[in-house]
Amino acid sequence: MFRILLTNDDGIHAPGIKALEAEVAAVGEVWVAAPQDEQSAASRSITVRRPLRSNEIKPRHFAIEGTPADSVMLALAHLLDFQPDLLISGINSGPNLGENIFYSGTVAAAAEGARHGIPSIAMSVAERADIDYSAAAGFAARLAKQVHAAGMPAGVALNVNVPHPSYGGVEMTRQSPKISRNVMLGGHDPRGRPYFWMHEEVPLDIAEPGTDYAAVRDGKVSVTPMRFDYTADDSMGELKDHLARWVQSV
């Protein structure tokens, strides 16, 4: 039996994960372990200062009082008595492109799955309002079938971003370098205290060919394979030479 674990960062009741489940249920047996409440931009944070709790809201569906990473870790360590054949995180409302993968709870959950040796996919749709999830959910189901048939390289997760409402082609991409500009919109609350609301501006016209931003801008599904070993292997030789000199000078 092909068993699929679903999670997200928008919360277990979000429409994206419901649309995803409706499609991938035809591919395998679906289990859901997702945050009880929205955890957008939680990245790979975990809960260490309070107990984790889960509530089985219906068979094979667990609401976790924690982050996306918590949800995956608790599912694998306690809630499931098997290792899933595939983990899909999403469908996120809004894209996860470029540097946003560092902050995304959707991507973090897929990273946690990959860390445990599970083929993992982060699914996002490039729209934030009035979303039709059908194109992204259908693509996720077709991708799940391919993973079931052919597998995935060990330790790799796929970051998938689907244009809205439809797409014209699929492109294997690399993560875009930072092109967005962080904007802090300021104001004052009713008590006169200042606050800032984080926003970003993305000049898509400068997105480099072959990157995730460029593919979605051009109406294509972006599929970016990711590893989570942060070792800078290409710098090892140079830094070893520097290290020798640093140690001698101490």
Protein backbone atom coordinates (compact mmCIF):
# COMPACT_ATOMS: atom_id res chain seq x y z
CA MET A 1 0.00 0.00 0.00
CA PHE A 2 1.26 3.47 -0.96
CA ARG A 3 0.78 5.74 2.05
CA ILE A 4 0.94 9.53 1.86
CA LEU A 5 1.36 11.96 4.76
CA LEU A 6 -0.09 15.43 4.20
CA THR A 7 0.80 18.51 6.21
CA ASN A 8 0.98 22.28 5.72
CA ASP A 9 1.53 25.61 7.44
CA ASP A 10 -1.92 27.13 6.77
CA GLY A 11 -3.60 24.81 9.28
CA ILE A 12 -5.46 21.54 9.06
CA HIS A 13 -8.75 23.23 8.11
CA ALA A 14 -7.24 25.27 5.25
CA PRO A 15 -8.84 24.82 1.81
CA GLY A 16 -5.48 24.03 0.20
CA ILE A 17 -4.88 20.85 2.16
CA LYS A 18 -8.48 19.75 1.63
CA ALA A 19 -8.16 20.19 -2.14
CA LEU A 20 -4.85 18.32 -2.05
CA GLU A 21 -6.34 15.39 -0.12
CA ALA A 22 -9.29 15.11 -2.50
CA GLU A 23 -6.91 14.58 -5.44
CA VAL A 24 -4.16 12.42 -3.92
CA ALA A 25 -6.64 10.08 -2.21
CA ALA A 26 -6.87 8.34 -5.58
CA VAL A 27 -3.10 7.65 -5.48
CA GLY A 28 -2.73 6.10 -2.04
CA GLU A 29 -3.91 5.99 1.56
CA VAL A 30 -3.85 9.50 2.99
CA TRP A 31 -2.90 10.48 6.53
CA VAL A 32 -2.94 14.09 7.70
CA ALA A 33 -0.89 15.67 10.49
CA ALA A 34 -1.01 19.45 10.27
CA PRO A 35 -0.95 22.46 12.60
CA GLN A 36 -4.19 23.19 14.40
CA ASP A 37 -3.81 26.88 13.51
CA GLU A 38 -2.04 28.86 10.81
CA GLN A 39 1.75 28.75 11.11
CA SER A 40 2.82 30.69 8.02
CA ALA A 41 6.49 31.77 7.99
CA ALA A 42 7.25 29.44 10.91
CA SER A 43 10.26 28.11 8.97
CA ARG A 44 11.81 25.08 10.74
CA SER A 45 10.97 26.24 14.25
CA ILE A 46 10.06 23.56 16.78
CA THR A 47 8.29 23.69 20.13
CA VAL A 48 10.57 23.16 23.13
CA ARG A 49 9.07 25.24 25.98
CA ARG A 50 5.64 23.63 26.21
CA PRO A 51 4.23 20.16 25.55
CA LEU A 52 3.05 19.16 22.10
CA ARG A 53 -0.55 18.00 21.85
CA SER A 54 -2.46 16.36 19.03
CA ASN A 55 -6.15 15.86 18.49
CA GLU A 56 -7.47 13.19 16.12
CA ILE A 57 -10.33 15.18 14.61
CA LYS A 58 -11.40 12.24 12.46
CA PRO A 59 -9.77 8.95 11.46
CA ARG A 60 -6.20 9.46 10.17
CA HIS A 61 -6.44 13.27 10.63
CA PHE A 62 -4.42 14.83 13.46
CA ALA A 63 -4.47 18.51 14.44
CA ILE A 64 -1.17 19.45 16.08
CA GLU A 65 -0.76 22.31 18.55
CA GLY A 66 2.59 23.26 17.04
CA THR A 67 4.52 24.18 13.93
CA PRO A 68 4.79 22.37 10.59
CA ALA A 69 8.09 20.81 11.64
CA ASP A 70 6.51 19.74 14.94
CA SER A 71 3.67 18.14 13.01
CA VAL A 72 5.97 16.01 10.88
CA MET A 73 8.21 15.04 13.79
CA LEU A 74 5.29 14.06 16.02
CA ALA A 75 3.62 12.08 13.23
CA LEU A 76 6.76 10.10 12.47
CA ALA A 77 7.76 9.53 16.09
CA HIS A 78 4.37 8.81 17.65
CA LEU A 79 1.19 9.13 15.60
CA LEU A 80 2.08 6.71 12.79
CA ASP A 81 3.33 3.17 13.21
CA PHE A 82 4.88 3.20 9.74
CA GLN A 83 7.09 5.43 7.59
CA PRO A 84 5.08 7.14 4.83
CA ASP A 85 6.06 6.50 1.22
CA LEU A 86 5.56 10.18 0.39
CA LEU A 87 5.08 13.46 2.24
CA ILE A 88 3.32 16.42 0.62
CA SER A 89 3.19 19.80 2.35
CA GLY A 90 0.56 22.29 1.15
CA ILE A 91 -1.12 23.44 -0.88
CA ASN A 92 0.13 26.79 0.37
CA SER A 93 -1.84 29.94 -0.38
CA GLY A 94 0.88 32.07 -1.94
CA PRO A 95 4.15 31.20 -3.67
CA ASN A 96 7.35 30.04 -2.01
CA LEU A 97 10.02 31.30 -4.38
CA GLY A 98 13.59 32.55 -4.06
CA GLU A 99 14.66 33.43 -0.53
CA ASN A 100 11.16 32.77 0.81
CA ILE A 101 12.03 29.09 1.11
CA PHE A 102 14.14 30.00 4.16
CA TYR A 103 11.08 31.31 6.02
CA SER A 104 8.35 29.04 4.68
CA GLY A 105 6.66 26.57 7.00
CA THR A 106 5.43 24.71 3.92
CA VAL A 107 8.98 24.10 2.72
CA ALA A 108 10.15 23.37 6.28
CA ALA A 109 7.72 20.47 6.60
CA ALA A 110 8.99 18.98 3.34
CA ALA A 111 12.56 19.48 4.56
CA GLU A 112 11.73 17.56 7.73
CA GLY A 113 10.33 14.72 5.67
CA ALA A 114 13.44 14.61 3.49
CA ARG A 115 15.60 14.60 6.62
CA HIS A 116 13.87 11.37 7.63
CA GLY A 117 14.46 9.78 4.23
CA ILE A 118 10.91 10.29 2.94
CA PRO A 119 10.36 11.58 -0.62
CA SER A 120 8.85 15.00 0.06
CA ILE A 121 7.13 17.74 -1.92
CA ALA A 122 6.26 21.30 -0.94
CA MET A 123 3.26 22.52 -2.98
CA SER A 124 2.34 26.20 -3.35
CA VAL A 125 0.03 28.15 -5.61
CA ALA A 126 1.12 31.59 -6.81
CA GLU A 127 -1.93 33.48 -5.57
CA ARG A 128 -3.09 34.72 -2.18
CA ALA A 129 -6.79 35.51 -2.65
CA ASP A 130 -9.79 33.90 -4.37
CA ILE A 131 -7.70 30.79 -5.05
CA ASP A 132 -8.77 27.93 -7.28
CA TYR A 133 -6.63 25.03 -6.03
CA SER A 134 -7.69 22.57 -8.72
CA ALA A 135 -4.70 22.99 -11.06
CA ALA A 136 -2.18 22.69 -8.22
CA ALA A 137 -3.99 19.74 -6.63
CA GLY A 138 -4.20 17.90 -9.94
CA PHE A 139 -0.50 18.46 -10.59
CA ALA A 140 0.33 17.19 -7.08
CA ALA A 141 -1.62 13.99 -7.73
CA ARG A 142 0.18 13.37 -11.02
CA LEU A 143 3.52 14.02 -9.35
CA ALA A 144 2.61 11.64 -6.53
CA LYS A 145 1.92 8.92 -9.10
CA GLN A 146 5.36 9.48 -10.62
CA VAL A 147 7.04 9.27 -7.22
CA HIS A 148 5.10 6.07 -6.53
CA ALA A 149 6.32 4.60 -9.83
CA ALA A 150 9.91 5.85 -9.95
CA GLY A 151 10.85 7.12 -6.49
CA MET A 152 13.01 10.16 -5.74
CA PRO A 153 16.70 10.68 -4.91
CA ALA A 154 17.42 10.20 -1.21
CA GLY A 155 17.42 13.34 0.88
CA VAL A 156 15.81 15.49 -1.82
CA ALA A 157 12.61 17.49 -1.53
CA LEU A 158 10.82 19.19 -4.42
CA ASN A 159 9.66 22.78 -4.07
CA VAL A 160 6.74 23.13 -6.49
CA ASN A 161 5.06 26.44 -7.33
CA VAL A 162 2.02 26.45 -9.60
CA PRO A 163 0.82 29.57 -11.46
CA HIS A 164 -2.78 30.64 -10.91
CA PRO A 165 -5.33 29.81 -12.16
CA SER A 166 -3.67 27.55 -14.76
CA TYR A 167 -0.24 26.80 -16.19
CA GLY A 168 1.40 26.21 -19.55
CA GLY A 169 4.26 23.79 -19.07
CA VAL A 170 6.61 22.59 -16.36
CA GLU A 171 10.22 23.64 -15.79
CA MET A 172 12.95 22.21 -13.58
CA THR A 173 14.40 25.30 -11.92
CA ARG A 174 16.95 26.51 -9.43
CA GLN A 175 16.21 28.76 -6.48
CA SER A 176 16.29 32.39 -7.52
CA PRO A 177 18.87 34.70 -5.93
CA LYS A 178 17.31 37.47 -3.86
CA ILE A 179 15.47 39.91 -6.09
CA SER A 180 12.74 41.01 -3.70
CA ARG A 181 12.88 44.18 -1.63
CA ASN A 182 11.72 44.03 1.97
CA VAL A 183 9.29 46.83 2.81
CA MET A 184 8.27 47.80 6.35
CA LEU A 185 4.95 49.64 6.29
CA GLY A 186 4.63 51.70 9.45
CA GLY A 187 1.71 53.05 11.43
CA HIS A 188 0.36 53.54 14.94
CA ASP A 189 -2.09 51.40 16.89
CA PRO A 190 -5.11 52.90 18.74
CA ARG A 191 -2.89 53.56 21.76
CA GLY A 192 -0.41 55.51 19.69
CA ARG A 193 2.29 52.87 19.73
CA PRO A 194 4.28 52.49 16.50
CA TYR A 195 4.17 49.23 14.57
CA PHE A 196 5.58 47.87 11.31
CA TRP A 197 3.94 45.48 8.85
CA MET A 198 6.31 43.43 6.71
CA HIS A 199 5.76 43.39 2.97
CA GLU A 200 7.88 42.69 -0.11
CA GLU A 201 8.16 43.98 -3.63
CA VAL A 202 9.38 41.60 -6.36
CA PRO A 203 10.56 43.04 -9.70
CA LEU A 204 9.86 39.92 -11.75
CA ASP A 205 11.31 41.48 -14.90
CA ILE A 206 14.83 40.93 -13.52
CA ALA A 207 14.33 37.26 -12.59
CA GLU A 208 17.12 35.17 -14.11
CA PRO A 209 16.24 32.54 -16.73
CA GLY A 210 16.07 29.06 -15.26
CA THR A 211 14.97 30.25 -11.82
CA ASP A 212 11.75 29.60 -9.94
CA TYR A 213 10.58 33.22 -10.15
CA ALA A 214 11.13 33.33 -13.92
CA ALA A 215 9.24 30.08 -14.55
CA VAL A 216 6.15 31.14 -12.58
CA ARG A 217 6.25 34.60 -14.14
CA ASP A 218 6.14 32.91 -17.55
CA GLY A 219 3.15 30.77 -16.58
CA LYS A 220 5.02 27.53 -15.95
CA VAL A 221 5.08 25.22 -12.95
CA SER A 222 8.41 25.61 -11.19
CA VAL A 223 9.92 22.41 -9.73
CA THR A 224 13.08 23.01 -7.69
CA PRO A 225 14.95 20.04 -6.17
CA MET A 226 16.36 20.92 -2.76
CA ARG A 227 18.88 19.43 -0.38
CA PHE A 228 19.31 20.59 3.19
CA ASP A 229 23.00 19.96 3.83
CA TYR A 230 24.25 23.52 4.26
CA THR A 231 27.94 22.61 4.05
CA ALA A 232 29.71 24.90 1.54
CA ASP A 233 31.73 22.13 -0.11
CA ASP A 234 33.16 24.41 -2.79
CA SER A 235 34.77 26.58 -0.06
CA MET A 236 36.36 23.79 1.96
CA GLY A 237 39.78 23.92 0.30
CA GLU A 238 40.18 27.69 0.54
CA LEU A 239 38.93 27.82 4.11
CA LYS A 240 41.26 25.01 5.18
CA ASP A 241 44.20 27.18 4.07
CA HIS A 242 42.78 30.14 5.96
CA LEU A 243 42.15 28.00 9.03
CA ALA A 244 45.80 26.91 9.14
CA ARG A 245 46.87 30.54 9.25
CA TRP A 246 44.22 31.48 11.80
CA VAL A 247 45.31 28.69 14.14
CA GLN A 248 48.95 29.68 13.84
CA SER A 249 48.12 33.26 14.77
CA VAL A 250 46.24 32.35 17.95
